[in-house]
Amino acid sequence: MKSAKPVNTPLANHFKLSKQSCPTNQEEKESMAGVPYSSAVGSLMYAMVCTRPDIAHAVGVVSRYLSNPGKDHWEAVKWILSYLKGSANKSLSFGKGNPVLEGGKLQLCAELIGMECM
């Protein structure tokens, strides 16, 4: 993964992960036996829970196939790791000045969703 090219999204549209991508014969299962899929997904879950909520959906998708992952599933895990590599120095910031929460705009938002404002 050191030579992996960083990517901009946690999971790209070209990944069509499904049960059909799971290995069906013994040869395919043996080729995936040496792949640390469960360990990698577990590490991604740890990162997701502790510091990276932006990968939650992608990790949820790849975790569906822990019992019988295929090569497409492994490629998706490597994609998520590449995303983490490329976004290691980015962060979410919460601070003052959010326009939705200032003054009359909060009341406008509340009225738009049908709540009464005082």
Protein backbone atom coordinates (compact mmCIF):
# COMPACT_ATOMS: atom_id res chain seq x y z
CA MET A 1 0.00 0.00 0.00
CA LYS A 2 3.02 2.29 0.25
CA SER A 3 3.07 2.69 -3.52
CA ALA A 4 -0.71 3.09 -3.81
CA LYS A 5 -1.97 6.16 -5.62
CA PRO A 6 -4.21 8.32 -3.37
CA VAL A 7 -7.85 8.62 -4.47
CA ASN A 8 -10.50 11.27 -3.74
CA THR A 9 -13.51 9.18 -2.73
CA PRO A 10 -13.95 6.44 -0.10
CA LEU A 11 -15.67 4.12 -2.58
CA ALA A 12 -15.86 4.71 -6.32
CA ASN A 13 -18.96 4.18 -8.47
CA HIS A 14 -17.28 1.49 -10.55
CA PHE A 15 -17.35 -0.94 -7.61
CA LYS A 16 -20.47 -3.08 -7.99
CA LEU A 17 -20.07 -5.28 -4.95
CA SER A 18 -22.52 -8.11 -4.56
CA LYS A 19 -22.82 -11.71 -3.48
CA GLN A 20 -22.11 -12.74 -7.07
CA SER A 21 -18.53 -11.48 -6.58
CA CYS A 22 -17.94 -14.02 -3.80
CA PRO A 23 -15.82 -17.06 -4.64
CA THR A 24 -17.89 -20.06 -5.68
CA ASN A 25 -15.31 -22.78 -6.35
CA GLN A 26 -12.45 -24.13 -4.24
CA GLU A 27 -9.75 -22.56 -6.43
CA GLU A 28 -11.14 -19.04 -5.96
CA LYS A 29 -11.55 -19.60 -2.22
CA GLU A 30 -7.94 -20.79 -1.91
CA SER A 31 -6.66 -17.74 -3.79
CA MET A 32 -8.43 -15.48 -1.28
CA ALA A 33 -7.36 -17.53 1.76
CA GLY A 34 -4.05 -15.68 2.08
CA VAL A 35 -5.60 -12.23 1.77
CA PRO A 36 -5.93 -10.38 5.11
CA TYR A 37 -9.45 -9.20 4.28
CA SER A 38 -10.95 -9.53 7.78
CA SER A 39 -7.98 -7.85 9.40
CA ALA A 40 -8.05 -4.96 6.94
CA VAL A 41 -11.80 -4.43 7.37
CA GLY A 42 -11.37 -4.56 11.15
CA SER A 43 -8.67 -1.90 10.95
CA LEU A 44 -10.91 0.23 8.77
CA MET A 45 -13.73 -0.14 11.31
CA TYR A 46 -11.41 1.01 14.09
CA ALA A 47 -10.38 4.06 12.07
CA MET A 48 -14.02 4.77 11.19
CA VAL A 49 -15.22 4.65 14.79
CA CYS A 50 -12.32 6.60 16.28
CA THR A 51 -11.49 9.32 13.77
CA ARG A 52 -12.88 8.82 10.27
CA PRO A 53 -16.68 8.97 10.00
CA ASP A 54 -16.28 9.82 6.31
CA ILE A 55 -15.54 6.17 5.50
CA ALA A 56 -18.54 4.73 7.38
CA HIS A 57 -20.61 3.88 4.31
CA ALA A 58 -17.71 2.34 2.42
CA VAL A 59 -16.67 0.23 5.42
CA GLY A 60 -20.25 -0.89 5.90
CA VAL A 61 -20.40 -2.07 2.30
CA VAL A 62 -17.16 -4.10 2.42
CA SER A 63 -17.98 -5.56 5.84
CA ARG A 64 -21.02 -7.35 4.36
CA TYR A 65 -18.68 -9.85 2.72
CA LEU A 66 -16.45 -10.84 5.65
CA SER A 67 -17.46 -14.50 5.51
CA ASN A 68 -16.60 -15.05 1.83
CA PRO A 69 -14.79 -12.10 0.22
CA GLY A 70 -13.87 -12.09 -3.44
CA LYS A 71 -11.23 -10.26 -5.44
CA ASP A 72 -13.60 -7.36 -6.17
CA HIS A 73 -14.25 -6.95 -2.46
CA TRP A 74 -10.51 -6.92 -1.77
CA GLU A 75 -9.99 -4.28 -4.47
CA ALA A 76 -12.62 -2.13 -2.75
CA VAL A 77 -10.82 -2.46 0.60
CA LYS A 78 -7.56 -1.41 -1.04
CA TRP A 79 -9.40 1.56 -2.59
CA ILE A 80 -10.57 2.69 0.86
CA LEU A 81 -7.01 2.39 2.17
CA SER A 82 -5.82 4.51 -0.77
CA TYR A 83 -8.45 7.09 0.12
CA LEU A 84 -7.18 7.19 3.70
CA LYS A 85 -3.65 7.63 2.42
CA GLY A 86 -4.70 10.59 0.28
CA SER A 87 -6.80 12.26 2.95
CA ALA A 88 -4.58 11.78 6.00
CA ASN A 89 -3.93 15.51 6.35
CA LYS A 90 -7.54 16.59 5.85
CA SER A 91 -9.97 17.19 8.69
CA LEU A 92 -13.48 18.27 9.53
CA SER A 93 -13.67 21.54 11.43
CA PHE A 94 -16.54 22.72 13.55
CA GLY A 95 -16.52 26.28 14.74
CA LYS A 96 -18.32 29.57 15.04
CA GLY A 97 -19.97 31.20 12.09
CA ASN A 98 -22.10 28.44 10.62
CA PRO A 99 -24.63 30.50 8.63
CA VAL A 100 -27.49 28.05 9.18
CA LEU A 101 -27.27 28.55 12.93
CA GLU A 102 -27.07 32.35 12.97
CA GLY A 103 -29.95 34.64 13.85
CA GLY A 104 -33.06 34.61 11.66
CA LYS A 105 -31.78 31.88 9.39
CA LEU A 106 -32.30 29.30 12.11
CA GLN A 107 -35.92 30.39 12.39
CA LEU A 108 -36.33 30.24 8.62
CA CYS A 109 -34.97 26.69 8.55
CA ALA A 110 -37.27 25.67 11.38
CA GLU A 111 -40.29 27.19 9.63
CA LEU A 112 -39.43 25.39 6.42
CA ILE A 113 -39.63 22.03 8.12
CA GLY A 114 -42.92 22.85 9.83
CA MET A 115 -41.82 23.73 13.34
CA GLU A 116 -42.97 26.77 15.28
CA CYS A 117 -40.29 29.27 16.20
CA MET A 118 -40.48 31.50 19.21
